[in-house]
Structures are given as C-alpha cells and as structure tokens.
Amino acid sequence: MDIRVLEVLAAVASLALFVALLVGLPALMAGAQGLAYIIALVIFIAALSAAGYWIDKMAA
C-alpha cells in the first residue's frame, strides 16, 4: 500500500480516537474533567507518534 495513503489513514484514525476520548473520558472522570482532557491529548499524541514510527519503519 502507498505510504501516503497509510499516513492519511493513520491521521484519520488518530483523530477519531481523539474525538472519542474527548467525549468519553470527561464522562468517566466526572470529578477531574480537566485531567481527562489532558489525558485525551496525551493519548492522541502517543497514537499519532506510534503510527508515524510504524509507517517510517515500513518505508525504510
């Protein structure tokens, strides 16, 4: 599969994960909503970084 397509798919999947976490985590962590948003952001960055690392390893 073309690397550009994989990058776009990884970005869309990471964005979908981020939106799901933004909706779900504050509902689960009712007392600490600010912390839930930070956790959602950290998970999003980690997922996007892992996908980029994985795609880079495939390209090399």
Protein backbone atom coordinates (compact mmCIF):
# COMPACT_ATOMS: atom_id res chain seq x y z
CA MET A 1 0.00 0.00 0.00
CA ASP A 2 1.18 3.52 -0.73
CA ILE A 3 2.84 5.27 2.22
CA ARG A 4 0.82 8.46 1.69
CA VAL A 5 -2.42 6.52 2.00
CA LEU A 6 -1.21 4.91 5.22
CA GLU A 7 -0.31 8.31 6.63
CA VAL A 8 -3.76 9.69 5.86
CA LEU A 9 -5.46 6.62 7.33
CA ALA A 10 -3.34 6.87 10.47
CA ALA A 11 -4.18 10.55 10.85
CA VAL A 12 -7.92 9.95 10.39
CA ALA A 13 -7.89 7.04 12.85
CA SER A 14 -5.96 9.09 15.41
CA LEU A 15 -8.39 11.98 15.01
CA ALA A 16 -11.35 9.63 15.50
CA LEU A 17 -9.67 8.25 18.63
CA PHE A 18 -9.10 11.79 19.91
CA VAL A 19 -12.73 12.79 19.40
CA ALA A 20 -13.92 9.60 21.10
CA LEU A 21 -11.62 10.28 24.05
CA LEU A 22 -12.75 13.91 24.27
CA VAL A 23 -16.34 12.73 24.54
CA GLY A 24 -15.82 9.64 26.68
CA LEU A 25 -13.13 10.47 29.21
CA PRO A 26 -14.79 13.51 30.83
CA ALA A 27 -17.93 11.42 31.32
CA LEU A 28 -15.90 8.70 33.02
CA MET A 29 -13.83 11.09 35.11
CA ALA A 30 -16.59 13.34 36.43
CA GLY A 31 -14.50 14.85 39.21
CA ALA A 32 -11.44 15.63 37.13
CA GLN A 33 -12.59 16.85 33.74
CA GLY A 34 -9.51 18.97 33.13
CA LEU A 35 -7.28 15.97 33.71
CA ALA A 36 -9.44 13.93 31.33
CA TYR A 37 -8.80 16.42 28.52
CA ILE A 38 -5.07 16.32 29.16
CA ILE A 39 -5.07 12.51 29.15
CA ALA A 40 -7.03 12.52 25.87
CA LEU A 41 -4.44 14.85 24.33
CA VAL A 42 -1.52 12.74 25.55
CA ILE A 43 -3.09 9.54 24.19
CA PHE A 44 -3.74 11.27 20.85
CA ILE A 45 -0.13 12.42 20.58
CA ALA A 46 1.15 8.95 21.53
CA ALA A 47 -1.10 7.24 18.98
CA LEU A 48 -0.09 9.63 16.20
CA SER A 49 3.60 9.25 17.09
CA ALA A 50 3.37 5.45 17.20
CA ALA A 51 1.63 5.40 13.82
CA GLY A 52 4.29 7.65 12.34
CA TYR A 53 7.07 5.49 13.75
CA TRP A 54 5.41 2.34 12.39
CA ILE A 55 4.93 3.85 8.94
CA ASP A 56 8.54 5.09 8.92
CA LYS A 57 9.77 1.58 9.74
CA MET A 58 7.69 0.20 6.86
CA ALA A 59 9.12 2.74 4.43
CA ALA A 60 12.72 2.05 5.35
